[in-house]
Protein backbone atom coordinates (compact mmCIF):
# COMPACT_ATOMS: atom_id res chain seq x y z
CA UNK A 1 0.03 -0.09 -0.12
CA UNK A 2 1.76 3.18 -1.07
CA UNK A 3 1.35 6.72 0.93
CA UNK A 4 -0.26 9.45 -1.04
CA UNK A 5 1.88 11.77 -2.26
CA UNK A 6 0.91 15.33 -0.62
CA UNK A 7 -0.57 18.00 -2.78
CA UNK A 8 2.05 20.30 -4.49
CA UNK A 9 0.80 23.42 -5.95
CA UNK A 10 -0.15 24.15 -2.18
CA UNK A 11 2.90 23.57 -1.41
CA UNK A 12 4.88 25.47 -3.54
CA UNK A 13 2.75 28.12 -3.32
CA UNK A 14 3.45 28.32 0.11
CA UNK A 15 7.51 28.42 -0.80
CA UNK A 16 7.00 30.72 -3.57
CA UNK A 17 4.90 33.90 -1.31
CA UNK A 18 7.64 33.18 1.53
CA UNK A 19 10.43 32.96 -0.52
CA UNK A 20 9.76 36.32 -2.35
CA UNK A 21 8.68 37.81 1.34
CA UNK A 22 12.29 36.32 2.68
CA UNK A 23 14.58 37.26 -0.25
CA UNK A 24 12.92 41.10 0.09
CA UNK A 25 14.04 41.90 3.27
CA UNK A 26 17.45 40.02 3.25
CA UNK A 27 18.82 40.42 0.09
CA UNK A 28 16.65 43.25 -1.91
CA UNK A 29 16.72 45.28 1.03
CA UNK A 30 20.50 45.20 2.12
CA UNK A 31 21.01 45.27 -1.83
CA UNK A 32 19.80 48.77 -2.08
CA UNK A 33 20.15 49.77 1.89
CA UNK A 34 22.20 53.22 0.82
CA UNK A 35 20.01 54.24 -1.92
CA UNK A 36 16.59 53.70 0.76
CA UNK A 37 18.54 55.72 3.40
CA UNK A 38 19.30 58.28 0.52
CA UNK A 39 15.99 58.28 -0.28
CA UNK A 40 14.60 58.88 3.45
CA UNK A 41 16.58 61.10 4.09
CA UNK A 42 15.88 63.51 1.57
CA UNK A 43 11.93 63.41 1.86
CA UNK A 44 12.30 63.59 5.68
CA UNK A 45 14.82 65.62 5.76
CA UNK A 46 16.70 64.58 8.57
CA UNK A 47 20.48 64.08 10.03
CA UNK A 48 19.92 61.29 12.00
CA UNK A 49 20.44 58.72 9.11
CA UNK A 50 23.49 60.65 8.01
CA UNK A 51 26.54 58.95 9.88
CA UNK A 52 25.23 55.38 8.66
CA UNK A 53 25.02 57.24 4.68
CA UNK A 54 28.80 58.21 4.62
CA UNK A 55 29.57 54.47 6.24
CA UNK A 56 27.91 53.43 3.47
CA UNK A 57 29.86 55.32 0.95
CA UNK A 58 33.23 55.65 2.25
CA UNK A 59 34.14 52.58 0.67
CA UNK A 60 32.24 50.48 -2.10
CA UNK A 61 33.09 47.27 -0.44
CA UNK A 62 30.98 47.72 2.72
CA UNK A 63 28.12 47.65 0.65
CA UNK A 64 28.40 43.87 -0.56
CA UNK A 65 29.81 43.21 2.96
CA UNK A 66 26.30 44.69 4.86
CA UNK A 67 24.11 42.25 1.49
CA UNK A 68 26.63 39.64 2.69
CA UNK A 69 26.23 39.26 6.03
CA UNK A 70 22.12 39.92 5.49
CA UNK A 71 22.15 37.20 3.24
CA UNK A 72 22.48 34.64 6.02
CA UNK A 73 19.41 35.43 6.70
CA UNK A 74 17.89 34.84 3.67
CA UNK A 75 19.85 31.22 3.81
CA UNK A 76 18.77 30.38 7.08
CA UNK A 77 15.01 30.68 6.07
CA UNK A 78 15.23 28.89 2.33
CA UNK A 79 16.38 26.25 4.76
CA UNK A 80 13.05 26.28 6.75
CA UNK A 81 10.86 26.82 3.56
CA UNK A 82 13.02 23.98 1.63
CA UNK A 83 13.28 21.67 4.28
CA UNK A 84 17.12 21.74 3.59
CA UNK A 85 18.68 21.54 7.11
CA UNK A 86 22.13 22.35 6.06
CA UNK A 87 21.05 26.23 5.87
CA UNK A 88 24.94 26.79 6.51
CA UNK A 89 25.45 25.59 3.17
CA UNK A 90 23.25 27.46 1.44
CA UNK A 91 24.63 30.54 3.31
CA UNK A 92 27.82 29.60 2.21
CA UNK A 93 27.00 29.50 -1.41
CA UNK A 94 25.35 32.60 -1.34
CA UNK A 95 27.85 34.73 -0.31
CA UNK A 96 30.48 32.74 -2.43
CA UNK A 97 28.09 33.36 -5.33
CA UNK A 98 27.27 37.26 -4.63
CA UNK A 99 31.26 37.87 -3.69
CA UNK A 100 31.85 36.33 -7.19
CA UNK A 101 29.27 37.44 -9.51
CA UNK A 102 29.74 41.27 -8.13
CA UNK A 103 33.12 40.83 -8.89
CA UNK A 104 33.10 39.27 -12.36
CA UNK A 105 33.26 41.19 -15.69
CA UNK A 106 29.17 40.66 -16.00
CA UNK A 107 29.04 43.42 -13.59
CA UNK A 108 30.90 45.66 -16.08
CA UNK A 109 29.03 45.61 -19.14
CA UNK A 110 28.60 49.20 -18.57
CA UNK A 111 31.83 49.50 -18.95
CA UNK A 112 31.90 47.99 -22.32
CA UNK A 113 29.99 50.13 -24.12
CA UNK A 114 30.18 52.82 -22.39
CA UNK A 115 31.26 55.79 -26.07
CA UNK A 116 28.72 53.76 -27.74
CA UNK A 117 25.00 54.23 -25.85
CA UNK A 118 23.80 57.11 -23.47
CA UNK A 119 23.90 57.10 -19.91
CA UNK A 120 19.97 55.34 -19.66
CA UNK A 121 20.86 52.71 -21.82
CA UNK A 122 24.35 52.18 -20.58
CA UNK A 123 22.60 52.36 -16.68
CA UNK A 124 19.99 49.41 -17.71
CA UNK A 125 23.15 47.30 -18.79
CA UNK A 126 24.97 47.25 -15.64
CA UNK A 127 21.76 46.56 -13.87
CA UNK A 128 21.13 44.03 -15.76
CA UNK A 129 24.36 42.55 -16.13
CA UNK A 130 24.94 42.59 -12.52
CA UNK A 131 21.98 41.27 -11.18
CA UNK A 132 22.60 38.19 -14.17
CA UNK A 133 26.25 38.08 -12.50
CA UNK A 134 25.17 37.77 -9.37
CA UNK A 135 21.92 35.29 -9.76
CA UNK A 136 23.94 33.14 -11.82
CA UNK A 137 26.58 32.63 -9.85
CA UNK A 138 24.47 31.74 -6.97
CA UNK A 139 22.02 29.28 -8.76
CA UNK A 140 25.55 27.47 -9.69
CA UNK A 141 27.06 27.26 -6.40
CA UNK A 142 23.26 26.44 -4.87
CA UNK A 143 23.97 23.80 -8.15
CA UNK A 144 26.76 23.00 -6.10
CA UNK A 145 25.61 22.54 -2.73
CA UNK A 146 22.89 19.59 -4.21
CA UNK A 147 25.57 18.31 -6.16
CA UNK A 148 24.03 18.15 -9.35
CA UNK A 149 25.14 19.91 -12.38
CA UNK A 150 21.24 19.69 -14.16
CA UNK A 151 20.63 21.95 -10.81
CA UNK A 152 23.53 24.62 -11.38
CA UNK A 153 22.57 25.22 -14.62
CA UNK A 154 18.64 25.09 -14.37
CA UNK A 155 19.34 27.28 -11.15
CA UNK A 156 21.51 29.71 -12.21
CA UNK A 157 19.33 29.70 -15.81
CA UNK A 158 16.02 30.37 -14.44
CA UNK A 159 16.85 32.37 -11.53
CA UNK A 160 19.50 35.54 -13.64
CA UNK A 161 16.64 35.31 -16.87
CA UNK A 162 13.59 35.71 -14.24
CA UNK A 163 15.72 38.83 -12.38
CA UNK A 164 16.79 40.58 -15.32
CA UNK A 165 13.22 40.46 -16.97
CA UNK A 166 11.83 42.31 -13.63
CA UNK A 167 15.27 45.02 -13.94
CA UNK A 168 13.78 45.87 -17.41
CA UNK A 169 10.34 45.62 -16.65
CA UNK A 170 11.15 48.08 -13.85
CA UNK A 171 13.18 50.34 -15.33
CA UNK A 172 11.19 50.75 -18.27
CA UNK A 173 7.91 50.97 -16.07
CA UNK A 174 10.01 53.99 -14.40
CA UNK A 175 10.56 55.56 -17.88
CA UNK A 176 7.09 55.71 -18.65
CA UNK A 177 5.85 57.94 -15.74
CA UNK A 178 9.32 60.65 -17.14
CA UNK A 179 11.51 58.74 -14.16
CA UNK A 180 14.93 58.03 -16.48
CA UNK A 181 18.68 57.82 -14.99
CA UNK A 182 20.73 60.91 -17.09
CA UNK A 183 17.03 62.94 -16.58
CA UNK A 184 16.19 65.85 -14.97
CA UNK A 185 13.99 64.14 -12.15
CA UNK A 186 15.61 64.63 -8.46
CA UNK A 187 17.55 61.07 -7.43
CA UNK A 188 16.16 59.26 -10.32
CA UNK A 189 19.36 57.01 -10.38
CA UNK A 190 19.07 56.14 -6.16
CA UNK A 191 14.92 55.39 -6.55
CA UNK A 192 15.57 53.62 -10.32
CA UNK A 193 17.92 51.40 -8.45
CA UNK A 194 16.27 50.95 -5.38
CA UNK A 195 12.62 49.65 -6.32
CA UNK A 196 15.07 47.50 -9.06
CA UNK A 197 17.32 45.47 -6.95
CA UNK A 198 13.98 44.87 -4.71
CA UNK A 199 11.60 43.64 -7.13
CA UNK A 200 14.45 41.68 -9.06
CA UNK A 201 15.30 40.32 -5.99
CA UNK A 202 11.60 39.41 -4.82
CA UNK A 203 11.07 38.01 -8.37
CA UNK A 204 14.26 36.15 -8.56
CA UNK A 205 14.00 35.42 -4.61
CA UNK A 206 10.88 33.53 -5.50
CA UNK A 207 12.45 31.87 -8.29
CA UNK A 208 15.04 30.42 -6.68
CA UNK A 209 13.21 29.06 -3.48
CA UNK A 210 10.60 26.87 -5.67
CA UNK A 211 13.74 25.65 -7.55
CA UNK A 212 15.72 24.87 -5.36
CA UNK A 213 13.22 23.19 -2.93
CA UNK A 214 12.24 20.68 -6.08
CA UNK A 215 16.07 19.69 -6.37
CA UNK A 216 16.34 19.82 -2.57
CA UNK A 217 13.05 16.97 -2.51
CA UNK A 218 14.43 15.42 -5.31
CA UNK A 219 17.73 14.66 -3.67
CA UNK A 220 16.96 13.79 -0.32
CA UNK A 221 13.51 11.30 -1.96
CA UNK A 222 14.11 7.19 -2.62
CA UNK A 223 13.09 6.86 -6.39
CA UNK A 224 9.04 5.71 -5.70
CA UNK A 225 9.55 1.79 -7.06
CA UNK A 226 6.27 1.32 -5.92
């Protein structure tokens, strides 16, 4: 007699929204933390957060350090969401993927075409290249955690495509409202970048969470011979 398998749609729907929320808090927010602080200060004329802004601005590595540390929260929650107990492995993979992706050549796509495209196009290239690089590296690292080449390629491809598409959609929507990097709107780059990082983290985290959970479940369960 076989045990009936649980319905998968409700489970993966739960994984999707929980992963999206965790990614928003522990990936999207810290990725654009400096920009959110700048926007908050500008809107409230407050000087209380100025020291934090200056700390993040003094060295570009500080922003990466904040993201890497906060990503441990995402890794822990993904372990709980997916049922993968060794969440620290996810944490190491996430940190490694972020660092490698941030410093890879893909994150400098705008530098390749600096004399060809206008400012707003170069900005879009930069954002797409950075997000593509980081999400691909994280997806590949998760595949290594699962010791599966198929998982690595699938997670890297699906996560990066979803994230880059979201960046393009977000930048395009801002452009429709006249908010374009290089234009006349006050703090346009901060606004577009902060929201783009948040939305891409949400969709990328959702796709990555569901994908990782599926591969982790397949890896941990024996073949059903009944």
